[in-house]
PDB file of N, CA and C in Angstrom:
ATOM      1  N   ILE A   1     -22.725  43.161  11.501  1.00  0.00           N
ATOM      2  CA  ILE A   1     -22.793  41.714  11.628  1.00  0.00           C
ATOM      3  C   ILE A   1     -22.299  41.065  10.339  1.00  0.00           C
ATOM      4  N   MET A   2     -22.626  41.618   9.205  1.00  0.00           N
ATOM      5  CA  MET A   2     -22.216  41.060   7.915  1.00  0.00           C
ATOM      6  C   MET A   2     -20.692  41.107   7.760  1.00  0.00           C
ATOM      7  N   ALA A   3     -20.061  42.166   8.218  1.00  0.00           N
ATOM      8  CA  ALA A   3     -18.603  42.288   8.129  1.00  0.00           C
ATOM      9  C   ALA A   3     -17.930  41.254   9.021  1.00  0.00           C
ATOM     10  N   GLN A   4     -18.524  41.000  10.192  1.00  0.00           N
ATOM     11  CA  GLN A   4     -17.972  39.988  11.086  1.00  0.00           C
ATOM     12  C   GLN A   4     -18.078  38.598  10.453  1.00  0.00           C
ATOM     13  N   ALA A   5     -19.192  38.313   9.778  1.00  0.00           N
ATOM     14  CA  ALA A   5     -19.388  37.017   9.138  1.00  0.00           C
ATOM     15  C   ALA A   5     -18.373  36.822   8.014  1.00  0.00           C
ATOM     16  N   GLN A   6     -18.085  37.869   7.239  1.00  0.00           N
ATOM     17  CA  GLN A   6     -17.097  37.760   6.169  1.00  0.00           C
ATOM     18  C   GLN A   6     -15.704  37.548   6.749  1.00  0.00           C
ATOM     19  N   GLY A   7     -15.383  38.257   7.822  1.00  0.00           N
ATOM     20  CA  GLY A   7     -14.086  38.081   8.476  1.00  0.00           C
ATOM     21  C   GLY A   7     -13.939  36.690   9.067  1.00  0.00           C
ATOM     22  N   LEU A   8     -15.008  36.160   9.617  1.00  0.00           N
ATOM     23  CA  LEU A   8     -15.004  34.820  10.186  1.00  0.00           C
ATOM     24  C   LEU A   8     -14.855  33.770   9.082  1.00  0.00           C
ATOM     25  N   GLY A   9     -15.527  33.985   7.957  1.00  0.00           N
ATOM     26  CA  GLY A   9     -15.412  33.066   6.820  1.00  0.00           C
ATOM     27  C   GLY A   9     -13.994  33.026   6.277  1.00  0.00           C
ATOM     28  N   LYS A  10     -13.370  34.194   6.146  1.00  0.00           N
ATOM     29  CA  LYS A  10     -11.983  34.252   5.669  1.00  0.00           C
ATOM     30  C   LYS A  10     -11.043  33.565   6.646  1.00  0.00           C
ATOM     31  N   LYS A  11     -11.340  33.718   7.939  1.00  0.00           N
ATOM     32  CA  LYS A  11     -10.505  33.093   8.965  1.00  0.00           C
ATOM     33  C   LYS A  11     -10.573  31.568   8.858  1.00  0.00           C
ATOM     34  N   TYR A  12     -11.773  31.025   8.651  1.00  0.00           N
ATOM     35  CA  TYR A  12     -11.933  29.580   8.528  1.00  0.00           C
ATOM     36  C   TYR A  12     -11.299  29.049   7.249  1.00  0.00           C
ATOM     37  N   ILE A  13     -11.435  29.778   6.166  1.00  0.00           N
ATOM     38  CA  ILE A  13     -10.808  29.366   4.898  1.00  0.00           C
ATOM     39  C   ILE A  13      -9.292  29.371   5.033  1.00  0.00           C
ATOM     40  N   LYS A  14      -8.743  30.395   5.675  1.00  0.00           N
ATOM     41  CA  LYS A  14      -7.294  30.474   5.877  1.00  0.00           C
ATOM     42  C   LYS A  14      -6.813  29.309   6.750  1.00  0.00           C
ATOM     43  N   ALA A  15      -7.537  28.992   7.817  1.00  0.00           N
ATOM     44  CA  ALA A  15      -7.165  27.876   8.694  1.00  0.00           C
ATOM     45  C   ALA A  15      -7.263  26.548   7.948  1.00  0.00           C
ATOM     46  N   PHE A  16      -8.292  26.383   7.122  1.00  0.00           N
ATOM     47  CA  PHE A  16      -8.445  25.163   6.336  1.00  0.00           C
ATOM     48  C   PHE A  16      -7.285  24.996   5.365  1.00  0.00           C
ATOM     49  N   LEU A  17      -6.925  26.049   4.667  1.00  0.00           N
ATOM     50  CA  LEU A  17      -5.837  25.971   3.698  1.00  0.00           C
ATOM     51  C   LEU A  17      -4.501  25.672   4.383  1.00  0.00           C
ATOM     52  N   LYS A  18      -4.253  26.264   5.547  1.00  0.00           N
ATOM     53  CA  LYS A  18      -3.028  25.959   6.290  1.00  0.00           C
ATOM     54  C   LYS A  18      -2.990  24.481   6.657  1.00  0.00           C
ATOM     55  N   GLY A  19      -4.091  23.964   7.173  1.00  0.00           N
ATOM     56  CA  GLY A  19      -4.169  22.552   7.538  1.00  0.00           C
ATOM     57  C   GLY A  19      -4.023  21.644   6.329  1.00  0.00           C
ATOM     58  N   PHE A  20      -4.620  22.038   5.224  1.00  0.00           N
ATOM     59  CA  PHE A  20      -4.565  21.257   3.986  1.00  0.00           C
ATOM     60  C   PHE A  20      -3.128  21.169   3.483  1.00  0.00           C
ATOM     61  N   PHE A  21      -2.429  22.288   3.457  1.00  0.00           N
ATOM     62  CA  PHE A  21      -1.065  22.297   2.928  1.00  0.00           C
ATOM     63  C   PHE A  21      -0.061  21.635   3.875  1.00  0.00           C
ATOM     64  N   VAL A  22      -0.454  21.374   5.101  1.00  0.00           N
ATOM     65  CA  VAL A  22       0.382  20.584   6.004  1.00  0.00           C
ATOM     66  C   VAL A  22      -0.007  19.107   5.898  1.00  0.00           C
ATOM     67  N   ALA A  23      -1.291  18.811   5.875  1.00  0.00           N
ATOM     68  CA  ALA A  23      -1.771  17.427   5.888  1.00  0.00           C
ATOM     69  C   ALA A  23      -1.433  16.668   4.611  1.00  0.00           C
ATOM     70  N   VAL A  24      -1.534  17.295   3.459  1.00  0.00           N
ATOM     71  CA  VAL A  24      -1.288  16.587   2.199  1.00  0.00           C
ATOM     72  C   VAL A  24       0.154  16.095   2.090  1.00  0.00           C
ATOM     73  N   PRO A  25       1.181  16.927   2.290  1.00  0.00           N
ATOM     74  CA  PRO A  25       2.551  16.396   2.207  1.00  0.00           C
ATOM     75  C   PRO A  25       2.858  15.335   3.263  1.00  0.00           C
ATOM     76  N   VAL A  26       2.311  15.506   4.457  1.00  0.00           N
ATOM     77  CA  VAL A  26       2.537  14.505   5.508  1.00  0.00           C
ATOM     78  C   VAL A  26       1.893  13.180   5.112  1.00  0.00           C
ATOM     79  N   THR A  27       0.683  13.209   4.593  1.00  0.00           N
ATOM     80  CA  THR A  27      -0.012  11.996   4.173  1.00  0.00           C
ATOM     81  C   THR A  27       0.691  11.319   3.012  1.00  0.00           C
ATOM     82  N   VAL A  28       1.107  12.079   2.021  1.00  0.00           N
ATOM     83  CA  VAL A  28       1.799  11.514   0.866  1.00  0.00           C
ATOM     84  C   VAL A  28       3.121  10.886   1.297  1.00  0.00           C
ATOM     85  N   THR A  29       3.859  11.538   2.156  1.00  0.00           N
ATOM     86  CA  THR A  29       5.123  10.990   2.650  1.00  0.00           C
ATOM     87  C   THR A  29       4.882   9.711   3.427  1.00  0.00           C
ATOM     88  N   PHE A  30       3.870   9.688   4.275  1.00  0.00           N
ATOM     89  CA  PHE A  30       3.548   8.486   5.041  1.00  0.00           C
ATOM     90  C   PHE A  30       3.211   7.327   4.118  1.00  0.00           C
ATOM     91  N   LEU A  31       2.335   7.558   3.147  1.00  0.00           N
ATOM     92  CA  LEU A  31       1.925   6.486   2.237  1.00  0.00           C
ATOM     93  C   LEU A  31       3.069   6.003   1.357  1.00  0.00           C
ATOM     94  N   ASP A  32       4.021   6.860   1.068  1.00  0.00           N
ATOM     95  CA  ASP A  32       5.150   6.481   0.219  1.00  0.00           C
ATOM     96  C   ASP A  32       6.267   5.809   0.998  1.00  0.00           C
ATOM     97  N   ARG A  33       6.520   6.243   2.210  1.00  0.00           N
ATOM     98  CA  ARG A  33       7.686   5.778   2.962  1.00  0.00           C
ATOM     99  C   ARG A  33       7.387   4.783   4.078  1.00  0.00           C
ATOM    100  N   VAL A  34       6.232   4.851   4.695  1.00  0.00           N
ATOM    101  CA  VAL A  34       5.959   4.040   5.881  1.00  0.00           C
ATOM    102  C   VAL A  34       5.032   2.872   5.566  1.00  0.00           C
ATOM    103  N   ALA A  35       3.834   3.146   5.130  1.00  0.00           N
ATOM    104  CA  ALA A  35       2.858   2.089   4.870  1.00  0.00           C
ATOM    105  C   ALA A  35       1.737   2.628   4.002  1.00  0.00           C
ATOM    106  N   CYS A  36       1.052   1.718   3.342  1.00  0.00           N
ATOM    107  CA  CYS A  36      -0.128   2.103   2.577  1.00  0.00           C
ATOM    108  C   CYS A  36      -1.148   0.973   2.635  1.00  0.00           C
ATOM    109  N   VAL A  37      -2.347   1.253   2.234  1.00  0.00           N
ATOM    110  CA  VAL A  37      -3.431   0.287   2.252  1.00  0.00           C
ATOM    111  C   VAL A  37      -3.663  -0.198   0.825  1.00  0.00           C
ATOM    112  N   ALA A  38      -3.855  -1.522   0.678  1.00  0.00           N
ATOM    113  CA  ALA A  38      -4.108  -2.094  -0.645  1.00  0.00           C
ATOM    114  C   ALA A  38      -5.234  -3.113  -0.550  1.00  0.00           C
ATOM    115  N   ARG A  39      -5.850  -3.383  -1.686  1.00  0.00           N
ATOM    116  CA  ARG A  39      -6.929  -4.352  -1.774  1.00  0.00           C
ATOM    117  C   ARG A  39      -6.405  -5.610  -2.461  1.00  0.00           C
ATOM    118  N   VAL A  40      -6.725  -6.788  -1.927  1.00  0.00           N
ATOM    119  CA  VAL A  40      -6.327  -8.054  -2.527  1.00  0.00           C
ATOM    120  C   VAL A  40      -7.586  -8.776  -2.978  1.00  0.00           C
ATOM    121  N   GLU A  41      -7.632  -9.108  -4.262  1.00  0.00           N
ATOM    122  CA  GLU A  41      -8.783  -9.796  -4.834  1.00  0.00           C
ATOM    123  C   GLU A  41      -8.334 -11.110  -5.440  1.00  0.00           C
ATOM    124  N   GLY A  42      -9.247 -12.046  -5.563  1.00  0.00           N
ATOM    125  CA  GLY A  42      -8.944 -13.306  -6.216  1.00  0.00           C
ATOM    126  C   GLY A  42      -8.669 -14.425  -5.242  1.00  0.00           C
ATOM    127  N   ALA A  43      -8.521 -15.631  -5.796  1.00  0.00           N
ATOM    128  CA  ALA A  43      -8.392 -16.838  -4.982  1.00  0.00           C
ATOM    129  C   ALA A  43      -6.955 -17.290  -4.805  1.00  0.00           C
ATOM    130  N   SER A  44      -5.990 -16.633  -5.398  1.00  0.00           N
ATOM    131  CA  SER A  44      -4.612 -17.132  -5.369  1.00  0.00           C
ATOM    132  C   SER A  44      -3.984 -17.107  -3.984  1.00  0.00           C
ATOM    133  N   MET A  45      -4.458 -16.268  -3.091  1.00  0.00           N
ATOM    134  CA  MET A  45      -3.864 -16.172  -1.753  1.00  0.00           C
ATOM    135  C   MET A  45      -4.725 -16.851  -0.689  1.00  0.00           C
ATOM    136  N   GLN A  46      -5.701 -17.639  -1.085  1.00  0.00           N
ATOM    137  CA  GLN A  46      -6.526 -18.352  -0.106  1.00  0.00           C
ATOM    138  C   GLN A  46      -5.708 -19.461   0.533  1.00  0.00           C
ATOM    139  N   PRO A  47      -5.866 -19.799   1.770  1.00  0.00           N
ATOM    140  CA  PRO A  47      -6.895 -19.337   2.699  1.00  0.00           C
ATOM    141  C   PRO A  47      -6.484 -18.115   3.519  1.00  0.00           C
ATOM    142  N   SER A  48      -5.245 -17.613   3.345  1.00  0.00           N
ATOM    143  CA  SER A  48      -4.801 -16.466   4.151  1.00  0.00           C
ATOM    144  C   SER A  48      -5.616 -15.217   3.861  1.00  0.00           C
ATOM    145  N   LEU A  49      -5.819 -14.921   2.597  1.00  0.00           N
ATOM    146  CA  LEU A  49      -6.600 -13.758   2.179  1.00  0.00           C
ATOM    147  C   LEU A  49      -7.782 -14.231   1.357  1.00  0.00           C
ATOM    148  N   ASN A  50      -8.896 -13.554   1.479  1.00  0.00           N
ATOM    149  CA  ASN A  50     -10.152 -13.923   0.821  1.00  0.00           C
ATOM    150  C   ASN A  50     -10.559 -15.352   1.166  1.00  0.00           C
ATOM    151  N   PRO A  51     -10.650 -15.708   2.452  1.00  0.00           N
ATOM    152  CA  PRO A  51     -10.981 -17.084   2.823  1.00  0.00           C
ATOM    153  C   PRO A  51     -12.409 -17.467   2.453  1.00  0.00           C
ATOM    154  N   GLY A  52     -12.603 -18.731   2.251  1.00  0.00           N
ATOM    155  CA  GLY A  52     -13.953 -19.245   2.009  1.00  0.00           C
ATOM    156  C   GLY A  52     -14.485 -18.941   0.630  1.00  0.00           C
ATOM    157  N   GLY A  53     -13.648 -18.524  -0.287  1.00  0.00           N
ATOM    158  CA  GLY A  53     -14.103 -18.282  -1.648  1.00  0.00           C
ATOM    159  C   GLY A  53     -15.018 -17.085  -1.798  1.00  0.00           C
ATOM    160  N   ARG A  54     -14.937 -16.157  -0.865  1.00  0.00           N
ATOM    161  CA  ARG A  54     -15.790 -14.967  -0.957  1.00  0.00           C
ATOM    162  C   ARG A  54     -15.470 -14.171  -2.218  1.00  0.00           C
ATOM    163  N   GLN A  55     -16.415 -13.482  -2.704  1.00  0.00           N
ATOM    164  CA  GLN A  55     -16.206 -12.596  -3.850  1.00  0.00           C
ATOM    165  C   GLN A  55     -15.668 -11.242  -3.414  1.00  0.00           C
ATOM    166  N   ALA A  56     -15.801 -10.921  -2.126  1.00  0.00           N
ATOM    167  CA  ALA A  56     -15.320  -9.636  -1.619  1.00  0.00           C
ATOM    168  C   ALA A  56     -13.796  -9.642  -1.557  1.00  0.00           C
ATOM    169  N   SER A  57     -13.215  -8.478  -1.544  1.00  0.00           N
ATOM    170  CA  SER A  57     -11.756  -8.374  -1.462  1.00  0.00           C
ATOM    171  C   SER A  57     -11.338  -8.077  -0.024  1.00  0.00           C
ATOM    172  N   ASP A  58     -10.102  -8.460   0.314  1.00  0.00           N
ATOM    173  CA  ASP A  58      -9.538  -8.140   1.617  1.00  0.00           C
ATOM    174  C   ASP A  58      -8.703  -6.870   1.502  1.00  0.00           C
ATOM    175  N   VAL A  59      -8.636  -6.118   2.591  1.00  0.00           N
ATOM    176  CA  VAL A  59      -7.833  -4.907   2.637  1.00  0.00           C
ATOM    177  C   VAL A  59      -6.640  -5.193   3.538  1.00  0.00           C
ATOM    178  N   VAL A  60      -5.433  -4.891   3.055  1.00  0.00           N
ATOM    179  CA  VAL A  60      -4.209  -5.167   3.801  1.00  0.00           C
ATOM    180  C   VAL A  60      -3.396  -3.891   3.952  1.00  0.00           C
ATOM    181  N   LEU A  61      -2.557  -3.861   4.988  1.00  0.00           N
ATOM    182  CA  LEU A  61      -1.630  -2.763   5.214  1.00  0.00           C
ATOM    183  C   LEU A  61      -0.259  -3.217   4.749  1.00  0.00           C
ATOM    184  N   LEU A  62       0.316  -2.513   3.796  1.00  0.00           N
ATOM    185  CA  LEU A  62       1.630  -2.856   3.262  1.00  0.00           C
ATOM    186  C   LEU A  62       2.692  -2.071   4.012  1.00  0.00           C
ATOM    187  N   ASN A  63       3.610  -2.782   4.661  1.00  0.00           N
ATOM    188  CA  ASN A  63       4.665  -2.187   5.474  1.00  0.00           C
ATOM    189  C   ASN A  63       5.874  -1.912   4.591  1.00  0.00           C
ATOM    190  N   HIS A  64       6.189  -0.653   4.360  1.00  0.00           N
ATOM    191  CA  HIS A  64       7.325  -0.293   3.507  1.00  0.00           C
ATOM    192  C   HIS A  64       8.653  -0.361   4.254  1.00  0.00           C
ATOM    193  N   TRP A  65       8.639  -0.293   5.597  1.00  0.00           N
ATOM    194  CA  TRP A  65       9.883  -0.269   6.368  1.00  0.00           C
ATOM    195  C   TRP A  65      10.639  -1.588   6.276  1.00  0.00           C
ATOM    196  N   SER A  66       9.938  -2.717   6.429  1.00  0.00           N
ATOM    197  CA  SER A  66      10.639  -4.001   6.445  1.00  0.00           C
ATOM    198  C   SER A  66      11.233  -4.335   5.082  1.00  0.00           C
ATOM    199  N   ILE A  67      10.578  -3.970   4.027  1.00  0.00           N
ATOM    200  CA  ILE A  67      11.100  -4.268   2.688  1.00  0.00           C
ATOM    201  C   ILE A  67      12.288  -3.369   2.364  1.00  0.00           C
ATOM    202  N   ARG A  68      12.332  -2.194   2.942  1.00  0.00           N
ATOM    203  CA  ARG A  68      13.447  -1.276   2.706  1.00  0.00           C
ATOM    204  C   ARG A  68      14.762  -1.858   3.227  1.00  0.00           C
ATOM    205  N   ASN A  69      14.685  -2.622   4.320  1.00  0.00           N
ATOM    206  CA  ASN A  69      15.861  -3.252   4.911  1.00  0.00           C
ATOM    207  C   ASN A  69      16.013  -4.711   4.473  1.00  0.00           C
ATOM    208  N   TYR A  70      15.247  -5.127   3.490  1.00  0.00           N
ATOM    209  CA  TYR A  70      15.240  -6.511   2.989  1.00  0.00           C
ATOM    210  C   TYR A  70      14.959  -7.501   4.114  1.00  0.00           C
ATOM    211  N   ASP A  71      14.088  -7.119   5.031  1.00  0.00           N
ATOM    212  CA  ASP A  71      13.723  -7.967   6.157  1.00  0.00           C
ATOM    213  C   ASP A  71      12.498  -8.797   5.770  1.00  0.00           C
ATOM    214  N   VAL A  72      12.677  -9.683   4.804  1.00  0.00           N
ATOM    215  CA  VAL A  72      11.594 -10.522   4.308  1.00  0.00           C
ATOM    216  C   VAL A  72      11.910 -11.963   4.683  1.00  0.00           C
ATOM    217  N   GLN A  73      10.958 -12.622   5.294  1.00  0.00           N
ATOM    218  CA  GLN A  73      11.141 -14.000   5.756  1.00  0.00           C
ATOM    219  C   GLN A  73      10.256 -14.945   4.953  1.00  0.00           C
ATOM    220  N   ARG A  74      10.588 -16.228   5.017  1.00  0.00           N
ATOM    221  CA  ARG A  74       9.773 -17.255   4.366  1.00  0.00           C
ATOM    222  C   ARG A  74       8.358 -17.192   4.933  1.00  0.00           C
ATOM    223  N   GLY A  75       7.377 -17.248   4.057  1.00  0.00           N
ATOM    224  CA  GLY A  75       5.983 -17.214   4.478  1.00  0.00           C
ATOM    225  C   GLY A  75       5.368 -15.830   4.474  1.00  0.00           C
ATOM    226  N   ASP A  76       6.175 -14.779   4.387  1.00  0.00           N
ATOM    227  CA  ASP A  76       5.634 -13.421   4.325  1.00  0.00           C
ATOM    228  C   ASP A  76       4.881 -13.221   3.015  1.00  0.00           C
ATOM    229  N   ILE A  77       3.903 -12.360   3.051  1.00  0.00           N
ATOM    230  CA  ILE A  77       3.180 -11.993   1.834  1.00  0.00           C
ATOM    231  C   ILE A  77       3.713 -10.637   1.379  1.00  0.00           C
ATOM    232  N   VAL A  78       4.129 -10.558   0.138  1.00  0.00           N
ATOM    233  CA  VAL A  78       4.689  -9.327  -0.407  1.00  0.00           C
ATOM    234  C   VAL A  78       3.841  -8.863  -1.581  1.00  0.00           C
ATOM    235  N   SER A  79       3.949  -7.592  -1.871  1.00  0.00           N
ATOM    236  CA  SER A  79       3.250  -7.004  -3.007  1.00  0.00           C
ATOM    237  C   SER A  79       4.288  -6.500  -4.003  1.00  0.00           C
ATOM    238  N   LEU A  80       4.123  -6.876  -5.248  1.00  0.00           N
ATOM    239  CA  LEU A  80       5.044  -6.497  -6.317  1.00  0.00           C
ATOM    240  C   LEU A  80       4.270  -5.820  -7.431  1.00  0.00           C
ATOM    241  N   VAL A  81       4.994  -5.162  -8.309  1.00  0.00           N
ATOM    242  CA  VAL A  81       4.379  -4.560  -9.489  1.00  0.00           C
ATOM    243  C   VAL A  81       4.912  -5.294 -10.706  1.00  0.00           C
ATOM    244  N   GLU A  82       4.014  -5.881 -11.465  1.00  0.00           N
ATOM    245  CA  GLU A  82       4.383  -6.646 -12.650  1.00  0.00           C
ATOM    246  C   GLU A  82       4.026  -5.824 -13.887  1.00  0.00           C
ATOM    247  N   HIS A  83       4.948  -5.752 -14.828  1.00  0.00           N
ATOM    248  CA  HIS A  83       4.674  -5.040 -16.075  1.00  0.00           C
ATOM    249  C   HIS A  83       3.826  -5.922 -16.973  1.00  0.00           C
ATOM    250  N   ASP A  84       2.728  -5.390 -17.422  1.00  0.00           N
ATOM    251  CA  ASP A  84       1.793  -6.138 -18.249  1.00  0.00           C
ATOM    252  C   ASP A  84       2.130  -5.894 -19.708  1.00  0.00           C
ATOM    253  N   SER A  85       2.519  -6.938 -20.421  1.00  0.00           N
ATOM    254  CA  SER A  85       2.911  -6.785 -21.829  1.00  0.00           C
ATOM    255  C   SER A  85       1.706  -6.575 -22.734  1.00  0.00           C
ATOM    256  N   ASN A  86       0.514  -6.983 -22.293  1.00  0.00           N
ATOM    257  CA  ASN A  86      -0.683  -6.814 -23.119  1.00  0.00           C
ATOM    258  C   ASN A  86      -1.176  -5.371 -23.125  1.00  0.00           C
ATOM    259  N   SER A  87      -0.940  -4.668 -22.039  1.00  0.00           N
ATOM    260  CA  SER A  87      -1.312  -3.256 -21.986  1.00  0.00           C
ATOM    261  C   SER A  87      -0.063  -2.470 -21.633  1.00  0.00           C
ATOM    262  N   ALA A  88      -0.139  -1.194 -21.727  1.00  0.00           N
ATOM    263  CA  ALA A  88       1.036  -0.355 -21.480  1.00  0.00           C
ATOM    264  C   ALA A  88       1.213  -0.038 -20.001  1.00  0.00           C
ATOM    265  N   GLY A  89       0.522  -0.750 -19.125  1.00  0.00           N
ATOM    266  CA  GLY A  89       0.572  -0.415 -17.709  1.00  0.00           C
ATOM    267  C   GLY A  89       1.227  -1.468 -16.853  1.00  0.00           C
ATOM    268  N   THR A  90       1.001  -1.340 -15.565  1.00  0.00           N
ATOM    269  CA  THR A  90       1.526  -2.289 -14.594  1.00  0.00           C
ATOM    270  C   THR A  90       0.375  -2.895 -13.814  1.00  0.00           C
ATOM    271  N   VAL A  91       0.620  -4.085 -13.270  1.00  0.00           N
ATOM    272  CA  VAL A  91      -0.396  -4.798 -12.511  1.00  0.00           C
ATOM    273  C   VAL A  91       0.178  -5.128 -11.138  1.00  0.00           C
ATOM    274  N   PRO A  92      -0.487  -4.710 -10.045  1.00  0.00           N
ATOM    275  CA  PRO A  92       0.006  -5.091  -8.722  1.00  0.00           C
ATOM    276  C   PRO A  92      -0.294  -6.564  -8.456  1.00  0.00           C
ATOM    277  N   VAL A  93       0.676  -7.263  -7.852  1.00  0.00           N
ATOM    278  CA  VAL A  93       0.553  -8.695  -7.585  1.00  0.00           C
ATOM    279  C   VAL A  93       0.923  -8.956  -6.128  1.00  0.00           C
ATOM    280  N   ALA A  94       0.152  -9.793  -5.439  1.00  0.00           N
ATOM    281  CA  ALA A  94       0.487 -10.225  -4.081  1.00  0.00           C
ATOM    282  C   ALA A  94       0.903 -11.686  -4.155  1.00  0.00           C
ATOM    283  N   ASP A  95       1.982 -12.030  -3.448  1.00  0.00           N
ATOM    284  CA  ASP A  95       2.464 -13.404  -3.469  1.00  0.00           C
ATOM    285  C   ASP A  95       3.155 -13.727  -2.155  1.00  0.00           C
ATOM    286  N   ARG A  96       3.280 -15.018  -1.861  1.00  0.00           N
ATOM    287  CA  ARG A  96       3.926 -15.482  -0.638  1.00  0.00           C
ATOM    288  C   ARG A  96       5.386 -15.807  -0.936  1.00  0.00           C
ATOM    289  N   VAL A  97       6.293 -15.448  -0.011  1.00  0.00           N
ATOM    290  CA  VAL A  97       7.720 -15.712  -0.166  1.00  0.00           C
ATOM    291  C   VAL A  97       7.984 -17.182   0.155  1.00  0.00           C
ATOM    292  N   LEU A  98       8.631 -17.890  -0.779  1.00  0.00           N
ATOM    293  CA  LEU A  98       8.966 -19.300  -0.583  1.00  0.00           C
ATOM    294  C   LEU A  98      10.388 -19.482  -0.072  1.00  0.00           C
ATOM    295  N   LEU A  99      11.331 -18.669  -0.547  1.00  0.00           N
ATOM    296  CA  LEU A  99      12.720 -18.732  -0.115  1.00  0.00           C
ATOM    297  C   LEU A  99      13.193 -17.334   0.234  1.00  0.00           C
ATOM    298  N   SER A 100      13.964 -17.230   1.304  1.00  0.00           N
ATOM    299  CA  SER A 100      14.560 -15.935   1.630  1.00  0.00           C
ATOM    300  C   SER A 100      15.919 -15.835   0.963  1.00  0.00           C
ATOM    301  N   MET A 101      16.543 -14.676   1.013  1.00  0.00           N
ATOM    302  CA  MET A 101      17.824 -14.472   0.341  1.00  0.00           C
ATOM    303  C   MET A 101      18.927 -15.345   0.938  1.00  0.00           C
ATOM    304  N   SER A 102      18.809 -15.719   2.208  1.00  0.00           N
ATOM    305  CA  SER A 102      19.850 -16.525   2.845  1.00  0.00           C
ATOM    306  C   SER A 102      19.720 -18.012   2.526  1.00  0.00           C
ATOM    307  N   GLU A 103      18.588 -18.427   1.980  1.00  0.00           N
ATOM    308  CA  GLU A 103      18.380 -19.825   1.646  1.00  0.00           C
ATOM    309  C   GLU A 103      18.753 -20.084   0.189  1.00  0.00           C
ATOM    310  N   THR A 104      19.133 -21.305  -0.099  1.00  0.00           N
ATOM    311  CA  THR A 104      19.425 -21.671  -1.487  1.00  0.00           C
ATOM    312  C   THR A 104      18.307 -22.530  -2.016  1.00  0.00           C
ATOM    313  N   ASN A 105      18.104 -22.449  -3.287  1.00  0.00           N
ATOM    314  CA  ASN A 105      17.065 -23.237  -3.943  1.00  0.00           C
ATOM    315  C   ASN A 105      17.675 -24.581  -4.334  1.00  0.00           C
ATOM    316  N   SER A 106      17.153 -25.660  -3.787  1.00  0.00           N
ATOM    317  CA  SER A 106      17.717 -26.988  -4.050  1.00  0.00           C
ATOM    318  C   SER A 106      17.403 -27.497  -5.451  1.00  0.00           C
ATOM    319  N   THR A 107      16.543 -26.804  -6.183  1.00  0.00           N
ATOM    320  CA  THR A 107      16.197 -27.269  -7.527  1.00  0.00           C
ATOM    321  C   THR A 107      17.009 -26.599  -8.618  1.00  0.00           C
ATOM    322  N   THR A 108      17.953 -25.744  -8.250  1.00  0.00           N
ATOM    323  CA  THR A 108      18.763 -25.084  -9.275  1.00  0.00           C
ATOM    324  C   THR A 108      19.704 -26.075  -9.914  1.00  0.00           C
ATOM    325  N   ARG A 109      19.949 -25.905 -11.190  1.00  0.00           N
ATOM    326  CA  ARG A 109      20.827 -26.812 -11.925  1.00  0.00           C
ATOM    327  C   ARG A 109      22.264 -26.354 -11.801  1.00  0.00           C
ATOM    328  N   THR A 110      23.186 -27.314 -11.826  1.00  0.00           N
ATOM    329  CA  THR A 110      24.598 -26.974 -11.745  1.00  0.00           C
ATOM    330  C   THR A 110      25.264 -27.089 -13.087  1.00  0.00           C
TER     331      THR A 110
END
C-alpha cells in the first residue's frame, strides 16, 4: 500500500508540473498580448470610475488588441505609463481621450 501511495503522489506531482508549465506561459502571453486587469484609484476619473467619492478602487480590464491597431476613439479611457522624475520608476496613469488621431486640435498655434 505504501508503494502505491508513493507512485500515486509522484503521478499527481508530475501532472501538476505539466499543467503548471503549460498554464504559466499561456497566462503570461494572454496578459501581455490580449488583456490584463488593473486597479484605478483616485478622483481624477470620476464619475466614470470611482463614483461617489468612494475611497475604494475600481478594477478595469485593459484591452490590448484595440490599442495595437490604434483603434482609440474620443471618450475612451486609456492607460499609460508615465516616467516619474522624482523616483527611478514609472507610474501608471489612466486618462480619457479628448482628440483622436484623425481630429485636429483647434487650439494649436500657427
